[in-house]
Amino acid sequence: MDVKKLVIGIILLTGIAVLAACGSSSASQSKKEIKIGATAGPYSDQVKDSIKPILEKEGYDVKVIEFSDYVQPNKALHEGDLDANVFQNILYMEKFNNEHDMDLEEVLPVPTAPIGVYSEKHKDLSDIQKGAKVTLPNDPVNMARALIMMDEYGWIALNGEVDPSKASEKDVAENKLELKIVPLEAAQLPRSLGDSDFAFINGNFAIASGIDLESALGLEKTPYEYMNQVVINSKDKDEAFVQALEDAYKSEKFVQYTDNNLAGFVRPEYFGELEAQK
């Protein structure tokens, strides 16, 4: 036997074995733990009660971290303490990216609880009186949503040239009823009901406070840009866990969960596409 050829053959086989071992190690180390942040209430419930069990059947270990504000979930995601979060719409995410130099990206929309108008003092929107106190979210995106609703109700008139997604108090061209408009931290709005005539409350905080969405005097006609999204770091968009998350939200089990537990929520368009395929 040619000794030189034997040596070369051994070297080649050794190299192949090493490469195979590296490939096996890489595959075995593919991400199997997913940390998902969500605001306490319906969005964390969606994950805990439905998405988490679906993912666990696929072999993932899912941790759900709850937050009580709209700032920390994005900071935690950016810093790598989370793999995804569920609490925000695209407009809020884009604004947050710009202001904090982050590179977050949406994956898909989820069933979303609309902003509603609630009151402990009045039974109808037509009960609005001159000088009434109205509370609404103080973050720019959700304030704009509330102001648009007020404009639609005829309570105020917004500047005709304003971008609806960026409307703020300074864009109120006419406060017809001399309303006392009081911006508050979104999570505090349910507590403001006893001290206000009307409160515009984000659906997740309404539900978390035991308020039934169907008790609202008015609900937002939520467009796509205000639908809450599963959000990730852009660098992770091709990771297997991201596709697994998307598949879980687009599963028949999650659609059934939504049907049984999320009355009054705005349903994403892909729900209709899934049901049409049956």
C-alpha atoms as a PDB file:
ATOM      1  CA  MET A   1       0.000   0.000   0.000  1.00  0.00           C
ATOM      2  CA  ASP A   2       1.195   3.488  -0.854  1.00  0.00           C
ATOM      3  CA  VAL A   3       1.955   5.027   2.567  1.00  0.00           C
ATOM      4  CA  LYS A   4       1.628   8.562   1.206  1.00  0.00           C
ATOM      5  CA  LYS A   5      -1.880   7.881  -0.105  1.00  0.00           C
ATOM      6  CA  LEU A   6      -2.826   6.240   3.203  1.00  0.00           C
ATOM      7  CA  VAL A   7      -1.717   9.304   5.189  1.00  0.00           C
ATOM      8  CA  ILE A   8      -3.630  11.660   2.885  1.00  0.00           C
ATOM      9  CA  GLY A   9      -6.728   9.489   3.197  1.00  0.00           C
ATOM     10  CA  ILE A  10      -6.532   9.538   6.984  1.00  0.00           C
ATOM     11  CA  ILE A  11      -6.169  13.334   6.993  1.00  0.00           C
ATOM     12  CA  LEU A  12      -9.185  13.749   4.711  1.00  0.00           C
ATOM     13  CA  LEU A  13     -11.342  11.428   6.807  1.00  0.00           C
ATOM     14  CA  THR A  14     -10.301  13.227   9.976  1.00  0.00           C
ATOM     15  CA  GLY A  15     -11.215  16.585   8.440  1.00  0.00           C
ATOM     16  CA  ILE A  16     -14.634  15.319   7.365  1.00  0.00           C
ATOM     17  CA  ALA A  17     -15.263  13.923  10.848  1.00  0.00           C
ATOM     18  CA  VAL A  18     -14.332  17.249  12.445  1.00  0.00           C
ATOM     19  CA  LEU A  19     -16.632  19.191  10.104  1.00  0.00           C
ATOM     20  CA  ALA A  20     -19.465  16.773  10.754  1.00  0.00           C
ATOM     21  CA  ALA A  21     -18.954  17.112  14.485  1.00  0.00           C
ATOM     22  CA  CYS A  22     -19.020  20.910  14.188  1.00  0.00           C
ATOM     23  CA  GLY A  23     -22.214  20.756  12.168  1.00  0.00           C
ATOM     24  CA  SER A  24     -23.817  18.434  14.687  1.00  0.00           C
ATOM     25  CA  SER A  25     -22.778  20.698  17.551  1.00  0.00           C
ATOM     26  CA  SER A  26     -24.209  23.747  15.788  1.00  0.00           C
ATOM     27  CA  ALA A  27     -27.533  22.004  15.168  1.00  0.00           C
ATOM     28  CA  SER A  28     -27.747  20.728  18.728  1.00  0.00           C
ATOM     29  CA  GLN A  29     -27.183  24.239  20.006  1.00  0.00           C
ATOM     30  CA  SER A  30     -30.055  25.796  17.990  1.00  0.00           C
ATOM     31  CA  LYS A  31     -32.134  28.043  20.218  1.00  0.00           C
ATOM     32  CA  LYS A  32     -34.735  26.151  22.240  1.00  0.00           C
ATOM     33  CA  GLU A  33     -35.549  28.714  24.938  1.00  0.00           C
ATOM     34  CA  ILE A  34     -37.749  31.656  24.024  1.00  0.00           C
ATOM     35  CA  LYS A  35     -38.238  34.585  26.379  1.00  0.00           C
ATOM     36  CA  ILE A  36     -41.354  36.580  25.496  1.00  0.00           C
ATOM     37  CA  GLY A  37     -42.271  39.878  27.139  1.00  0.00           C
ATOM     38  CA  ALA A  38     -45.844  41.181  27.227  1.00  0.00           C
ATOM     39  CA  THR A  39     -47.910  43.685  29.139  1.00  0.00           C
ATOM     40  CA  ALA A  40     -49.879  42.094  31.965  1.00  0.00           C
ATOM     41  CA  GLY A  41     -53.385  41.173  30.877  1.00  0.00           C
ATOM     42  CA  PRO A  42     -54.685  39.838  27.564  1.00  0.00           C
ATOM     43  CA  TYR A  43     -51.401  39.811  25.642  1.00  0.00           C
ATOM     44  CA  SER A  44     -49.469  37.900  28.288  1.00  0.00           C
ATOM     45  CA  ASP A  45     -52.542  35.668  28.698  1.00  0.00           C
ATOM     46  CA  GLN A  46     -52.543  34.898  24.961  1.00  0.00           C
ATOM     47  CA  VAL A  47     -48.946  33.750  25.259  1.00  0.00           C
ATOM     48  CA  LYS A  48     -49.292  31.858  28.546  1.00  0.00           C
ATOM     49  CA  ASP A  49     -52.588  30.135  27.802  1.00  0.00           C
ATOM     50  CA  SER A  50     -52.192  29.300  24.117  1.00  0.00           C
ATOM     51  CA  ILE A  51     -48.911  30.213  22.396  1.00  0.00           C
ATOM     52  CA  LYS A  52     -46.660  28.763  25.097  1.00  0.00           C
ATOM     53  CA  PRO A  53     -48.310  25.297  25.103  1.00  0.00           C
ATOM     54  CA  ILE A  54     -48.156  25.180  21.282  1.00  0.00           C
ATOM     55  CA  LEU A  55     -44.443  26.029  21.284  1.00  0.00           C
ATOM     56  CA  GLU A  56     -43.689  23.604  24.102  1.00  0.00           C
ATOM     57  CA  LYS A  57     -45.106  20.777  21.993  1.00  0.00           C
ATOM     58  CA  GLU A  58     -42.493  21.770  19.409  1.00  0.00           C
ATOM     59  CA  GLY A  59     -39.757  21.323  21.984  1.00  0.00           C
ATOM     60  CA  TYR A  60     -39.293  24.929  23.097  1.00  0.00           C
ATOM     61  CA  ASP A  61     -38.889  26.101  26.680  1.00  0.00           C
ATOM     62  CA  VAL A  62     -40.965  29.290  26.884  1.00  0.00           C
ATOM     63  CA  LYS A  63     -40.559  31.968  29.550  1.00  0.00           C
ATOM     64  CA  VAL A  64     -43.173  34.725  29.780  1.00  0.00           C
ATOM     65  CA  ILE A  65     -42.142  38.008  31.439  1.00  0.00           C
ATOM     66  CA  GLU A  66     -44.879  40.514  32.265  1.00  0.00           C
ATOM     67  CA  PHE A  67     -44.471  44.292  32.179  1.00  0.00           C
ATOM     68  CA  SER A  68     -46.678  47.124  33.398  1.00  0.00           C
ATOM     69  CA  ASP A  69     -45.479  49.856  31.031  1.00  0.00           C
ATOM     70  CA  TYR A  70     -44.662  50.486  27.360  1.00  0.00           C
ATOM     71  CA  VAL A  71     -40.936  51.256  27.725  1.00  0.00           C
ATOM     72  CA  GLN A  72     -39.218  48.384  29.525  1.00  0.00           C
ATOM     73  CA  PRO A  73     -40.350  45.602  27.135  1.00  0.00           C
ATOM     74  CA  ASN A  74     -38.477  47.230  24.250  1.00  0.00           C
ATOM     75  CA  LYS A  75     -35.391  47.983  26.318  1.00  0.00           C
ATOM     76  CA  ALA A  76     -35.279  44.366  27.502  1.00  0.00           C
ATOM     77  CA  LEU A  77     -35.673  43.119  23.918  1.00  0.00           C
ATOM     78  CA  HIS A  78     -32.932  45.415  22.637  1.00  0.00           C
ATOM     79  CA  GLU A  79     -30.554  44.335  25.420  1.00  0.00           C
ATOM     80  CA  GLY A  80     -31.144  40.635  24.717  1.00  0.00           C
ATOM     81  CA  ASP A  81     -33.086  39.864  27.889  1.00  0.00           C
ATOM     82  CA  LEU A  82     -36.062  38.979  25.670  1.00  0.00           C
ATOM     83  CA  ASP A  83     -36.334  37.235  22.319  1.00  0.00           C
ATOM     84  CA  ALA A  84     -39.685  38.799  21.418  1.00  0.00           C
ATOM     85  CA  ASN A  85     -42.364  41.013  22.903  1.00  0.00           C
ATOM     86  CA  VAL A  86     -46.091  41.501  22.349  1.00  0.00           C
ATOM     87  CA  PHE A  87     -47.626  44.824  23.365  1.00  0.00           C
ATOM     88  CA  GLN A  88     -47.123  47.490  20.695  1.00  0.00           C
ATOM     89  CA  ASN A  89     -48.275  48.578  17.267  1.00  0.00           C
ATOM     90  CA  ILE A  90     -46.014  49.385  14.309  1.00  0.00           C
ATOM     91  CA  LEU A  91     -46.252  53.159  14.724  1.00  0.00           C
ATOM     92  CA  TYR A  92     -45.161  52.980  18.361  1.00  0.00           C
ATOM     93  CA  MET A  93     -42.327  50.575  17.490  1.00  0.00           C
ATOM     94  CA  GLU A  94     -41.014  52.784  14.680  1.00  0.00           C
ATOM     95  CA  LYS A  95     -41.095  55.856  16.895  1.00  0.00           C
ATOM     96  CA  PHE A  96     -39.293  53.944  19.651  1.00  0.00           C
ATOM     97  CA  ASN A  97     -36.661  52.738  17.176  1.00  0.00           C
ATOM     98  CA  ASN A  98     -35.978  56.289  16.027  1.00  0.00           C
ATOM     99  CA  GLU A  99     -35.847  57.814  19.499  1.00  0.00           C
ATOM    100  CA  HIS A 100     -33.706  55.088  21.091  1.00  0.00           C
ATOM    101  CA  ASP A 101     -31.535  54.008  18.136  1.00  0.00           C
ATOM    102  CA  MET A 102     -32.914  50.460  18.131  1.00  0.00           C
ATOM    103  CA  ASP A 103     -33.531  48.019  15.290  1.00  0.00           C
ATOM    104  CA  LEU A 104     -36.727  46.221  16.275  1.00  0.00           C
ATOM    105  CA  GLU A 105     -38.944  44.587  13.659  1.00  0.00           C
ATOM    106  CA  GLU A 106     -42.529  43.313  13.568  1.00  0.00           C
ATOM    107  CA  VAL A 107     -43.305  39.677  12.743  1.00  0.00           C
ATOM    108  CA  LEU A 108     -47.098  39.597  12.510  1.00  0.00           C
ATOM    109  CA  PRO A 109     -50.175  41.199  14.121  1.00  0.00           C
ATOM    110  CA  VAL A 110     -52.084  39.533  16.964  1.00  0.00           C
ATOM    111  CA  PRO A 111     -55.704  39.813  18.146  1.00  0.00           C
ATOM    112  CA  THR A 112     -55.859  43.320  19.550  1.00  0.00           C
ATOM    113  CA  ALA A 113     -58.048  44.869  22.223  1.00  0.00           C
ATOM    114  CA  PRO A 114     -59.168  48.266  20.870  1.00  0.00           C
ATOM    115  CA  ILE A 115     -59.071  51.529  22.779  1.00  0.00           C
ATOM    116  CA  GLY A 116     -62.460  52.114  24.329  1.00  0.00           C
ATOM    117  CA  VAL A 117     -64.307  55.015  25.941  1.00  0.00           C
ATOM    118  CA  TYR A 118     -65.487  54.158  29.454  1.00  0.00           C
ATOM    119  CA  SER A 119     -67.388  56.025  32.133  1.00  0.00           C
ATOM    120  CA  GLU A 120     -68.725  55.437  35.631  1.00  0.00           C
ATOM    121  CA  LYS A 121     -70.810  58.606  35.492  1.00  0.00           C
ATOM    122  CA  HIS A 122     -72.479  58.434  32.072  1.00  0.00           C
ATOM    123  CA  LYS A 123     -74.306  55.796  30.057  1.00  0.00           C
ATOM    124  CA  ASP A 124     -73.895  57.199  26.564  1.00  0.00           C
ATOM    125  CA  LEU A 125     -71.420  59.285  24.569  1.00  0.00           C
ATOM    126  CA  SER A 126     -74.190  61.800  23.955  1.00  0.00           C
ATOM    127  CA  ASP A 127     -74.106  62.616  27.686  1.00  0.00           C
ATOM    128  CA  ILE A 128     -70.972  64.697  27.141  1.00  0.00           C
ATOM    129  CA  GLN A 129     -71.335  68.139  28.704  1.00  0.00           C
ATOM    130  CA  LYS A 130     -69.423  71.387  28.406  1.00  0.00           C
ATOM    131  CA  GLY A 131     -66.334  71.375  30.627  1.00  0.00           C
ATOM    132  CA  ALA A 132     -66.297  67.576  31.042  1.00  0.00           C
ATOM    133  CA  LYS A 133     -63.065  65.958  32.183  1.00  0.00           C
ATOM    134  CA  VAL A 134     -61.633  63.467  29.679  1.00  0.00           C
ATOM    135  CA  THR A 135     -58.581  61.331  30.393  1.00  0.00           C
ATOM    136  CA  LEU A 136     -56.518  59.677  27.648  1.00  0.00           C
ATOM    137  CA  PRO A 137     -53.089  58.037  27.156  1.00  0.00           C
ATOM    138  CA  ASN A 138     -50.074  60.332  27.369  1.00  0.00           C
ATOM    139  CA  ASP A 139     -47.801  58.451  24.947  1.00  0.00           C
ATOM    140  CA  PRO A 140     -47.899  60.060  21.480  1.00  0.00           C
ATOM    141  CA  VAL A 141     -49.247  57.129  19.455  1.00  0.00           C
ATOM    142  CA  ASN A 142     -52.114  56.237  21.770  1.00  0.00           C
ATOM    143  CA  MET A 143     -52.944  59.877  22.440  1.00  0.00           C
ATOM    144  CA  ALA A 144     -53.340  60.331  18.673  1.00  0.00           C
ATOM    145  CA  ARG A 145     -55.726  57.379  18.562  1.00  0.00           C
ATOM    146  CA  ALA A 146     -57.874  58.861  21.329  1.00  0.00           C
ATOM    147  CA  LEU A 147     -57.902  62.332  19.760  1.00  0.00           C
ATOM    148  CA  ILE A 148     -59.021  60.864  16.430  1.00  0.00           C
ATOM    149  CA  MET A 149     -61.933  59.182  18.206  1.00  0.00           C
ATOM    150  CA  MET A 150     -62.847  62.452  19.913  1.00  0.00           C
ATOM    151  CA  ASP A 151     -62.768  64.178  16.535  1.00  0.00           C
ATOM    152  CA  GLU A 152     -65.044  61.500  15.077  1.00  0.00           C
ATOM    153  CA  TYR A 153     -67.501  61.978  17.957  1.00  0.00           C
ATOM    154  CA  GLY A 154     -67.571  65.717  17.283  1.00  0.00           C
ATOM    155  CA  TRP A 155     -66.176  66.571  20.719  1.00  0.00           C
ATOM    156  CA  ILE A 156     -63.179  68.386  19.221  1.00  0.00           C
ATOM    157  CA  ALA A 157     -61.949  69.351  15.763  1.00  0.00           C
ATOM    158  CA  LEU A 158     -58.403  68.472  14.736  1.00  0.00           C
ATOM    159  CA  ASN A 159     -56.362  70.574  12.356  1.00  0.00           C
ATOM    160  CA  GLY A 160     -57.324  69.377   8.879  1.00  0.00           C
ATOM    161  CA  GLU A 161     -53.697  69.068   7.757  1.00  0.00           C
ATOM    162  CA  VAL A 162     -52.491  66.958  10.678  1.00  0.00           C
ATOM    163  CA  ASP A 163     -51.221  63.402  10.151  1.00  0.00           C
ATOM    164  CA  PRO A 164     -53.779  61.356  12.142  1.00  0.00           C
ATOM    165  CA  SER A 165     -51.054  59.011  13.402  1.00  0.00           C
ATOM    166  CA  LYS A 166     -49.175  61.953  14.925  1.00  0.00           C
ATOM    167  CA  ALA A 167     -52.018  64.074  16.298  1.00  0.00           C
ATOM    168  CA  SER A 168     -51.353  65.711  19.661  1.00  0.00           C
ATOM    169  CA  GLU A 169     -53.019  68.264  21.902  1.00  0.00           C
ATOM    170  CA  LYS A 170     -51.426  71.089  19.910  1.00  0.00           C
ATOM    171  CA  ASP A 171     -53.326  69.880  16.835  1.00  0.00           C
ATOM    172  CA  VAL A 172     -56.716  70.482  18.444  1.00  0.00           C
ATOM    173  CA  ALA A 173     -58.054  73.321  16.286  1.00  0.00           C
ATOM    174  CA  GLU A 174     -61.307  73.613  18.192  1.00  0.00           C
ATOM    175  CA  ASN A 175     -62.251  72.349  21.656  1.00  0.00           C
ATOM    176  CA  LYS A 176     -65.962  72.789  21.068  1.00  0.00           C
ATOM    177  CA  LEU A 177     -67.060  71.749  24.541  1.00  0.00           C
ATOM    178  CA  GLU A 178     -64.132  73.282  26.458  1.00  0.00           C
ATOM    179  CA  LEU A 179     -63.225  69.805  27.595  1.00  0.00           C
ATOM    180  CA  LYS A 180     -60.570  69.323  30.262  1.00  0.00           C
ATOM    181  CA  ILE A 181     -58.263  66.912  28.416  1.00  0.00           C
ATOM    182  CA  VAL A 182     -55.937  65.163  30.865  1.00  0.00           C
ATOM    183  CA  PRO A 183     -53.167  62.862  29.510  1.00  0.00           C
ATOM    184  CA  LEU A 184     -52.113  60.077  31.881  1.00  0.00           C
ATOM    185  CA  GLU A 185     -49.823  57.065  31.843  1.00  0.00           C
ATOM    186  CA  ALA A 186     -51.833  54.411  29.991  1.00  0.00           C
ATOM    187  CA  ALA A 187     -51.694  51.935  32.873  1.00  0.00           C
ATOM    188  CA  GLN A 188     -53.223  54.532  35.226  1.00  0.00           C
ATOM    189  CA  LEU A 189     -56.274  55.281  33.072  1.00  0.00           C
ATOM    190  CA  PRO A 190     -58.604  52.673  34.643  1.00  0.00           C
ATOM    191  CA  ARG A 191     -58.014  54.342  38.017  1.00  0.00           C
ATOM    192  CA  SER A 192     -59.058  57.672  36.560  1.00  0.00           C
ATOM    193  CA  LEU A 193     -62.645  56.546  35.950  1.00  0.00           C
ATOM    194  CA  GLY A 194     -63.861  57.691  39.359  1.00  0.00           C
ATOM    195  CA  ASP A 195     -62.436  61.162  38.832  1.00  0.00           C
ATOM    196  CA  SER A 196     -63.312  61.749  35.175  1.00  0.00           C
ATOM    197  CA  ASP A 197     -66.395  61.918  32.984  1.00  0.00           C
ATOM    198  CA  PHE A 198     -64.931  59.776  30.226  1.00  0.00           C
ATOM    199  CA  ALA A 199     -61.681  57.820  29.937  1.00  0.00           C
ATOM    200  CA  PHE A 200     -60.045  56.491  26.762  1.00  0.00           C
ATOM    201  CA  ILE A 201     -58.449  53.262  27.938  1.00  0.00           C
ATOM    202  CA  ASN A 202     -56.232  50.848  25.998  1.00  0.00           C
ATOM    203  CA  GLY A 203     -57.982  47.501  25.780  1.00  0.00           C
ATOM    204  CA  ASN A 204     -55.242  45.510  27.515  1.00  0.00           C
ATOM    205  CA  PHE A 205     -55.287  47.796  30.562  1.00  0.00           C
ATOM    206  CA  ALA A 206     -59.083  47.798  30.629  1.00  0.00           C
ATOM    207  CA  ILE A 207     -59.186  44.001  30.708  1.00  0.00           C
ATOM    208  CA  ALA A 208     -56.347  43.780  33.240  1.00  0.00           C
ATOM    209  CA  SER A 209     -58.434  46.020  35.515  1.00  0.00           C
ATOM    210  CA  GLY A 210     -61.505  43.815  35.209  1.00  0.00           C
ATOM    211  CA  ILE A 211     -63.305  46.068  32.729  1.00  0.00           C
ATOM    212  CA  ASP A 212     -65.324  44.244  30.058  1.00  0.00           C
ATOM    213  CA  LEU A 213     -64.560  45.517  26.549  1.00  0.00           C
ATOM    214  CA  GLU A 214     -68.233  45.220  25.700  1.00  0.00           C
ATOM    215  CA  SER A 215     -69.071  47.719  28.458  1.00  0.00           C
ATOM    216  CA  ALA A 216     -67.337  50.491  26.490  1.00  0.00           C
ATOM    217  CA  LEU A 217     -69.518  53.368  25.321  1.00  0.00           C
ATOM    218  CA  GLY A 218     -67.455  53.410  22.142  1.00  0.00           C
ATOM    219  CA  LEU A 219     -64.709  51.231  20.651  1.00  0.00           C
ATOM    220  CA  GLU A 220     -62.034  52.227  18.184  1.00  0.00           C
ATOM    221  CA  LYS A 221     -62.312  50.936  14.625  1.00  0.00           C
ATOM    222  CA  THR A 222     -58.752  49.670  14.799  1.00  0.00           C
ATOM    223  CA  PRO A 223     -56.793  49.890  11.487  1.00  0.00           C
ATOM    224  CA  TYR A 224     -53.804  47.636  10.743  1.00  0.00           C
ATOM    225  CA  GLU A 225     -51.213  50.183  11.879  1.00  0.00           C
ATOM    226  CA  TYR A 226     -52.732  50.103  15.378  1.00  0.00           C
ATOM    227  CA  MET A 227     -52.846  46.309  15.621  1.00  0.00           C
ATOM    228  CA  ASN A 228     -50.424  44.979  18.225  1.00  0.00           C
ATOM    229  CA  GLN A 229     -47.532  42.958  16.865  1.00  0.00           C
ATOM    230  CA  VAL A 230     -45.081  40.233  17.782  1.00  0.00           C
ATOM    231  CA  VAL A 231     -41.794  42.175  17.720  1.00  0.00           C
ATOM    232  CA  ILE A 232     -38.206  40.890  17.553  1.00  0.00           C
ATOM    233  CA  ASN A 233     -34.697  42.225  17.017  1.00  0.00           C
ATOM    234  CA  SER A 234     -34.093  42.531  13.268  1.00  0.00           C
ATOM    235  CA  LYS A 235     -30.913  40.462  13.536  1.00  0.00           C
ATOM    236  CA  ASP A 236     -33.025  37.476  14.628  1.00  0.00           C
ATOM    237  CA  LYS A 237     -35.528  37.548  11.747  1.00  0.00           C
ATOM    238  CA  ASP A 238     -34.136  34.372  10.130  1.00  0.00           C
ATOM    239  CA  GLU A 239     -33.907  32.397  13.369  1.00  0.00           C
ATOM    240  CA  ALA A 240     -35.985  29.214  13.649  1.00  0.00           C
ATOM    241  CA  PHE A 241     -37.762  30.399  16.795  1.00  0.00           C
ATOM    242  CA  VAL A 242     -39.244  33.354  14.887  1.00  0.00           C
ATOM    243  CA  GLN A 243     -40.889  31.036  12.359  1.00  0.00           C
ATOM    244  CA  ALA A 244     -42.084  28.855  15.238  1.00  0.00           C
ATOM    245  CA  LEU A 245     -43.711  31.903  16.854  1.00  0.00           C
ATOM    246  CA  GLU A 246     -45.437  32.840  13.609  1.00  0.00           C
ATOM    247  CA  ASP A 247     -46.680  29.279  13.097  1.00  0.00           C
ATOM    248  CA  ALA A 248     -48.090  29.209  16.631  1.00  0.00           C
ATOM    249  CA  TYR A 249     -50.107  32.399  16.110  1.00  0.00           C
ATOM    250  CA  LYS A 250     -51.349  31.091  12.755  1.00  0.00           C
ATOM    251  CA  SER A 251     -52.394  27.733  14.184  1.00  0.00           C
ATOM    252  CA  GLU A 252     -55.946  26.418  14.399  1.00  0.00           C
ATOM    253  CA  LYS A 253     -55.525  26.053  18.165  1.00  0.00           C
ATOM    254  CA  PHE A 254     -54.818  29.745  18.606  1.00  0.00           C
ATOM    255  CA  VAL A 255     -57.766  30.702  16.404  1.00  0.00           C
ATOM    256  CA  GLN A 256     -59.992  28.535  18.623  1.00  0.00           C
ATOM    257  CA  TYR A 257     -58.520  30.138  21.732  1.00  0.00           C
ATOM    258  CA  THR A 258     -59.321  33.574  20.316  1.00  0.00           C
ATOM    259  CA  ASP A 259     -62.881  32.555  19.456  1.00  0.00           C
ATOM    260  CA  ASN A 260     -63.465  31.253  22.983  1.00  0.00           C
ATOM    261  CA  ASN A 261     -61.683  33.892  25.052  1.00  0.00           C
ATOM    262  CA  LEU A 262     -61.223  37.182  23.218  1.00  0.00           C
ATOM    263  CA  ALA A 263     -64.651  38.633  22.552  1.00  0.00           C
ATOM    264  CA  GLY A 264     -64.459  42.194  21.250  1.00  0.00           C
ATOM    265  CA  PHE A 265     -60.863  41.886  20.004  1.00  0.00           C
ATOM    266  CA  VAL A 266     -59.906  43.007  16.508  1.00  0.00           C
ATOM    267  CA  ARG A 267     -58.863  39.887  14.592  1.00  0.00           C
ATOM    268  CA  PRO A 268     -55.836  39.871  12.251  1.00  0.00           C
ATOM    269  CA  GLU A 269     -56.516  39.309   8.545  1.00  0.00           C
ATOM    270  CA  TYR A 270     -54.697  35.977   8.499  1.00  0.00           C
ATOM    271  CA  PHE A 271     -57.456  34.532  10.709  1.00  0.00           C
ATOM    272  CA  GLY A 272     -59.864  34.953   7.810  1.00  0.00           C
ATOM    273  CA  GLU A 273     -57.365  33.379   5.427  1.00  0.00           C
ATOM    274  CA  LEU A 274     -56.949  30.378   7.725  1.00  0.00           C
ATOM    275  CA  GLU A 275     -60.690  29.908   8.118  1.00  0.00           C
ATOM    276  CA  ALA A 276     -61.179  30.165   4.335  1.00  0.00           C
ATOM    277  CA  GLN A 277     -58.791  27.244   3.879  1.00  0.00           C
ATOM    278  CA  LYS A 278     -60.919  24.893   5.971  1.00  0.00           C
END
